[in-house]
Amino acid sequence: MTALEALIPLAAIVAVFVGMPWLFLHYTTKWKQAKSITLEDENLLDEMHDIARRLDERMHVIERIIAADRAERAERPAIDRKADDPRIAELRPHALRKEI
């Protein structure tokens, strides 16, 4: 048996008992690291959550303002006159104001 013929079974044994477990453990560790969230990502998510909460509060405020405005408009008496009527123009001066 030559030296090369003796290395082939030794290389196969090393590959099976050292190489394969190392490869398996290496990629298992990489997979577990990829699943976890980093501190930077966690801070970014917290910041995005705060921004979303503030935007939600703003939307609620805008909805309340619009609802109050609609209720106010519903309570106003309807005027059946034309907008060019000078008596209505006193009530709504912007209606007759034109850009020159």
N, C-alpha and C. Protein backbone atom coordinates (compact mmCIF):
# COMPACT_ATOMS: atom_id res chain seq x y z
N MET A 1 0.84 -1.16 0.00
CA MET A 1 0.00 0.00 0.00
C MET A 1 0.90 1.23 0.00
N THR A 2 0.63 2.15 -0.91
CA THR A 2 1.46 3.35 -1.00
C THR A 2 0.90 4.43 -0.07
N ALA A 3 1.67 5.51 0.04
CA ALA A 3 1.28 6.59 0.95
C ALA A 3 0.00 7.26 0.46
N LEU A 4 -0.17 7.38 -0.85
CA LEU A 4 -1.37 8.00 -1.40
C LEU A 4 -2.60 7.16 -1.12
N GLU A 5 -2.44 5.85 -1.21
CA GLU A 5 -3.56 4.95 -0.93
C GLU A 5 -3.94 4.99 0.54
N ALA A 6 -3.01 5.30 1.43
CA ALA A 6 -3.29 5.39 2.86
C ALA A 6 -3.98 6.71 3.21
N LEU A 7 -3.72 7.76 2.42
CA LEU A 7 -4.33 9.07 2.69
C LEU A 7 -5.81 9.13 2.30
N ILE A 8 -6.23 8.35 1.36
CA ILE A 8 -7.62 8.40 0.90
C ILE A 8 -8.59 7.99 2.02
N PRO A 9 -8.39 6.88 2.72
CA PRO A 9 -9.31 6.55 3.81
C PRO A 9 -9.21 7.55 4.97
N LEU A 10 -8.00 8.05 5.23
CA LEU A 10 -7.82 9.04 6.30
C LEU A 10 -8.57 10.34 5.97
N ALA A 11 -8.50 10.78 4.71
CA ALA A 11 -9.22 11.99 4.29
C ALA A 11 -10.72 11.78 4.38
N ALA A 12 -11.19 10.61 4.03
CA ALA A 12 -12.62 10.32 4.11
C ALA A 12 -13.10 10.34 5.55
N ILE A 13 -12.31 9.77 6.46
CA ILE A 13 -12.68 9.74 7.88
C ILE A 13 -12.70 11.16 8.45
N VAL A 14 -11.70 11.97 8.11
CA VAL A 14 -11.65 13.36 8.59
C VAL A 14 -12.83 14.14 8.03
N ALA A 15 -13.15 13.95 6.76
CA ALA A 15 -14.26 14.66 6.15
C ALA A 15 -15.58 14.30 6.81
N VAL A 16 -15.78 13.05 7.12
CA VAL A 16 -17.04 12.61 7.71
C VAL A 16 -17.16 13.04 9.17
N PHE A 17 -16.10 12.86 9.96
CA PHE A 17 -16.19 13.12 11.40
C PHE A 17 -15.79 14.53 11.83
N VAL A 18 -15.11 15.28 10.99
CA VAL A 18 -14.72 16.65 11.34
C VAL A 18 -15.39 17.66 10.40
N GLY A 19 -15.26 17.44 9.12
CA GLY A 19 -15.76 18.41 8.14
C GLY A 19 -17.28 18.55 8.14
N MET A 20 -17.99 17.45 8.12
CA MET A 20 -19.44 17.50 8.08
C MET A 20 -20.03 18.14 9.36
N PRO A 21 -19.60 17.71 10.56
CA PRO A 21 -20.15 18.38 11.76
C PRO A 21 -19.79 19.88 11.81
N TRP A 22 -18.57 20.22 11.40
CA TRP A 22 -18.18 21.64 11.40
C TRP A 22 -19.09 22.43 10.46
N LEU A 23 -19.31 21.91 9.26
CA LEU A 23 -20.17 22.58 8.28
C LEU A 23 -21.59 22.72 8.81
N PHE A 24 -22.12 21.67 9.39
CA PHE A 24 -23.47 21.70 9.94
C PHE A 24 -23.57 22.71 11.08
N LEU A 25 -22.65 22.69 12.01
CA LEU A 25 -22.68 23.61 13.15
C LEU A 25 -22.45 25.06 12.72
N HIS A 26 -21.59 25.26 11.73
CA HIS A 26 -21.32 26.61 11.25
C HIS A 26 -22.59 27.25 10.68
N TYR A 27 -23.28 26.54 9.80
CA TYR A 27 -24.48 27.11 9.19
C TYR A 27 -25.66 27.15 10.16
N THR A 28 -25.70 26.25 11.12
CA THR A 28 -26.74 26.32 12.15
C THR A 28 -26.56 27.58 12.98
N THR A 29 -25.33 27.92 13.33
CA THR A 29 -25.06 29.13 14.09
C THR A 29 -25.42 30.37 13.27
N LYS A 30 -25.06 30.39 12.00
CA LYS A 30 -25.39 31.52 11.14
C LYS A 30 -26.91 31.69 11.02
N TRP A 31 -27.63 30.59 10.94
CA TRP A 31 -29.08 30.63 10.82
C TRP A 31 -29.70 31.19 12.09
N LYS A 32 -29.20 30.79 13.24
CA LYS A 32 -29.73 31.30 14.51
C LYS A 32 -29.42 32.78 14.69
N GLN A 33 -28.27 33.23 14.25
CA GLN A 33 -27.93 34.65 14.35
C GLN A 33 -28.82 35.49 13.44
N ALA A 34 -29.16 34.97 12.30
CA ALA A 34 -29.99 35.71 11.37
C ALA A 34 -31.42 35.84 11.88
N LYS A 35 -31.89 34.91 12.70
CA LYS A 35 -33.24 34.96 13.23
C LYS A 35 -33.38 36.02 14.31
N SER A 36 -32.34 36.31 15.03
CA SER A 36 -32.45 37.24 16.15
C SER A 36 -32.41 38.68 15.65
N ILE A 37 -33.00 39.57 16.43
CA ILE A 37 -33.05 40.98 16.07
C ILE A 37 -31.90 41.69 16.78
N THR A 38 -31.26 42.59 16.07
CA THR A 38 -30.14 43.31 16.66
C THR A 38 -30.66 44.49 17.47
N LEU A 39 -29.81 45.05 18.28
CA LEU A 39 -30.18 46.20 19.11
C LEU A 39 -30.53 47.39 18.23
N GLU A 40 -29.80 47.57 17.15
CA GLU A 40 -30.08 48.67 16.22
C GLU A 40 -31.46 48.51 15.58
N ASP A 41 -31.80 47.27 15.18
CA ASP A 41 -33.12 47.01 14.60
C ASP A 41 -34.22 47.24 15.62
N GLU A 42 -33.97 46.85 16.85
CA GLU A 42 -34.96 47.04 17.91
C GLU A 42 -35.21 48.53 18.16
N ASN A 43 -34.15 49.33 18.18
CA ASN A 43 -34.31 50.78 18.35
C ASN A 43 -35.08 51.38 17.19
N LEU A 44 -34.80 50.92 15.98
CA LEU A 44 -35.50 51.41 14.80
C LEU A 44 -36.99 51.08 14.89
N LEU A 45 -37.32 49.87 15.33
CA LEU A 45 -38.72 49.49 15.47
C LEU A 45 -39.41 50.32 16.54
N ASP A 46 -38.74 50.61 17.65
CA ASP A 46 -39.32 51.46 18.69
C ASP A 46 -39.61 52.86 18.15
N GLU A 47 -38.66 53.40 17.39
CA GLU A 47 -38.84 54.73 16.81
C GLU A 47 -40.01 54.75 15.82
N MET A 48 -40.10 53.72 15.00
CA MET A 48 -41.20 53.64 14.05
C MET A 48 -42.54 53.49 14.76
N HIS A 49 -42.56 52.77 15.87
CA HIS A 49 -43.79 52.60 16.65
C HIS A 49 -44.23 53.94 17.23
N ASP A 50 -43.29 54.73 17.73
CA ASP A 50 -43.61 56.06 18.27
C ASP A 50 -44.15 56.97 17.18
N ILE A 51 -43.54 56.93 16.01
CA ILE A 51 -44.01 57.76 14.89
C ILE A 51 -45.42 57.35 14.49
N ALA A 52 -45.68 56.05 14.42
CA ALA A 52 -47.01 55.56 14.05
C ALA A 52 -48.04 55.98 15.09
N ARG A 53 -47.69 55.92 16.36
CA ARG A 53 -48.61 56.32 17.42
C ARG A 53 -48.94 57.81 17.31
N ARG A 54 -47.92 58.65 17.07
CA ARG A 54 -48.16 60.09 16.93
C ARG A 54 -49.03 60.39 15.71
N LEU A 55 -48.78 59.71 14.59
CA LEU A 55 -49.61 59.90 13.40
C LEU A 55 -51.05 59.47 13.66
N ASP A 56 -51.23 58.40 14.41
CA ASP A 56 -52.58 57.95 14.75
C ASP A 56 -53.29 59.00 15.60
N GLU A 57 -52.59 59.59 16.56
CA GLU A 57 -53.19 60.64 17.38
C GLU A 57 -53.56 61.84 16.52
N ARG A 58 -52.71 62.22 15.58
CA ARG A 58 -53.02 63.34 14.69
C ARG A 58 -54.25 63.05 13.85
N MET A 59 -54.36 61.82 13.35
CA MET A 59 -55.53 61.46 12.55
C MET A 59 -56.81 61.57 13.38
N HIS A 60 -56.76 61.15 14.64
CA HIS A 60 -57.93 61.26 15.50
C HIS A 60 -58.31 62.72 15.72
N VAL A 61 -57.31 63.57 15.91
CA VAL A 61 -57.58 65.00 16.09
C VAL A 61 -58.22 65.59 14.84
N ILE A 62 -57.68 65.26 13.67
CA ILE A 62 -58.24 65.76 12.41
C ILE A 62 -59.66 65.26 12.22
N GLU A 63 -59.92 64.00 12.54
CA GLU A 63 -61.27 63.46 12.41
C GLU A 63 -62.24 64.18 13.35
N ARG A 64 -61.82 64.49 14.57
CA ARG A 64 -62.68 65.22 15.49
C ARG A 64 -62.96 66.63 14.97
N ILE A 65 -61.94 67.30 14.41
CA ILE A 65 -62.13 68.64 13.87
C ILE A 65 -63.11 68.61 12.70
N ILE A 66 -62.96 67.64 11.81
CA ILE A 66 -63.86 67.53 10.66
C ILE A 66 -65.28 67.21 11.13
N ALA A 67 -65.43 66.32 12.09
CA ALA A 67 -66.76 65.98 12.60
C ALA A 67 -67.41 67.20 13.25
N ALA A 68 -66.64 67.97 14.01
CA ALA A 68 -67.18 69.17 14.63
C ALA A 68 -67.56 70.19 13.57
N ASP A 69 -66.76 70.33 12.53
CA ASP A 69 -67.07 71.27 11.45
C ASP A 69 -68.34 70.85 10.72
N ARG A 70 -68.50 69.58 10.46
CA ARG A 70 -69.71 69.10 9.79
C ARG A 70 -70.94 69.33 10.66
N ALA A 71 -70.80 69.09 11.95
CA ALA A 71 -71.93 69.32 12.86
C ALA A 71 -72.27 70.81 12.90
N GLU A 72 -71.25 71.66 12.88
CA GLU A 72 -71.47 73.11 12.89
C GLU A 72 -72.15 73.55 11.60
N ARG A 73 -71.75 73.00 10.48
CA ARG A 73 -72.38 73.35 9.20
C ARG A 73 -73.81 72.87 9.14
N ALA A 74 -74.10 71.73 9.73
CA ALA A 74 -75.46 71.19 9.73
C ALA A 74 -76.38 72.08 10.57
N GLU A 75 -75.86 72.72 11.59
CA GLU A 75 -76.67 73.57 12.46
C GLU A 75 -76.91 74.95 11.86
N ARG A 76 -76.09 75.40 10.92
CA ARG A 76 -76.25 76.71 10.30
C ARG A 76 -77.50 76.74 9.44
N PRO A 77 -78.22 77.88 9.43
CA PRO A 77 -79.38 77.97 8.54
C PRO A 77 -78.92 78.10 7.09
N ALA A 78 -79.65 77.49 6.21
CA ALA A 78 -79.32 77.55 4.78
C ALA A 78 -79.76 78.88 4.21
N ILE A 79 -78.95 79.50 3.38
CA ILE A 79 -79.26 80.77 2.74
C ILE A 79 -79.53 80.47 1.27
N ASP A 80 -80.70 80.88 0.80
CA ASP A 80 -81.09 80.57 -0.58
C ASP A 80 -80.73 81.67 -1.56
N ARG A 81 -79.94 82.61 -1.16
CA ARG A 81 -79.59 83.71 -2.05
C ARG A 81 -78.33 83.37 -2.85
N LYS A 82 -78.13 84.10 -3.91
CA LYS A 82 -76.95 83.90 -4.73
C LYS A 82 -75.71 84.44 -4.02
N ALA A 83 -74.54 83.95 -4.39
CA ALA A 83 -73.30 84.39 -3.76
C ALA A 83 -72.94 85.82 -4.15
N ASP A 84 -73.48 86.35 -5.30
CA ASP A 84 -73.14 87.73 -5.66
C ASP A 84 -73.98 88.76 -4.92
N ASP A 85 -74.96 88.32 -4.21
CA ASP A 85 -75.80 89.26 -3.46
C ASP A 85 -74.92 90.01 -2.46
N PRO A 86 -74.95 91.37 -2.49
CA PRO A 86 -74.08 92.13 -1.59
C PRO A 86 -74.36 91.89 -0.11
N ARG A 87 -75.59 91.51 0.19
CA ARG A 87 -75.90 91.23 1.61
C ARG A 87 -75.19 89.97 2.09
N ILE A 88 -75.03 89.00 1.22
CA ILE A 88 -74.31 87.77 1.58
C ILE A 88 -72.81 88.03 1.56
N ALA A 89 -72.39 88.93 0.69
CA ALA A 89 -70.97 89.24 0.62
C ALA A 89 -70.48 89.81 1.94
N GLU A 90 -71.37 90.45 2.68
CA GLU A 90 -70.97 90.94 4.01
C GLU A 90 -70.70 89.77 4.93
N LEU A 91 -71.47 88.73 4.77
CA LEU A 91 -71.27 87.54 5.61
C LEU A 91 -70.05 86.75 5.18
N ARG A 92 -69.82 86.75 3.87
CA ARG A 92 -68.69 85.99 3.33
C ARG A 92 -67.89 86.90 2.41
N PRO A 93 -67.03 87.74 2.95
CA PRO A 93 -66.31 88.69 2.10
C PRO A 93 -65.39 88.01 1.09
N HIS A 94 -64.94 86.84 1.34
CA HIS A 94 -64.05 86.16 0.41
C HIS A 94 -64.79 85.70 -0.85
N ALA A 95 -66.13 85.66 -0.81
CA ALA A 95 -66.89 85.15 -1.95
C ALA A 95 -66.81 86.11 -3.14
N LEU A 96 -66.77 87.42 -2.90
CA LEU A 96 -66.72 88.36 -4.00
C LEU A 96 -65.32 88.89 -4.27
N ARG A 97 -64.40 88.58 -3.38
CA ARG A 97 -63.04 89.07 -3.55
C ARG A 97 -62.37 88.35 -4.70
N LYS A 98 -61.82 89.13 -5.63
CA LYS A 98 -61.15 88.54 -6.79
C LYS A 98 -59.75 89.08 -6.87
N GLU A 99 -58.87 88.24 -7.36
CA GLU A 99 -57.48 88.65 -7.55
C GLU A 99 -57.39 89.58 -8.76
N ILE A 100 -56.62 90.66 -8.65
CA ILE A 100 -56.49 91.61 -9.75
C ILE A 100 -55.15 91.39 -10.43
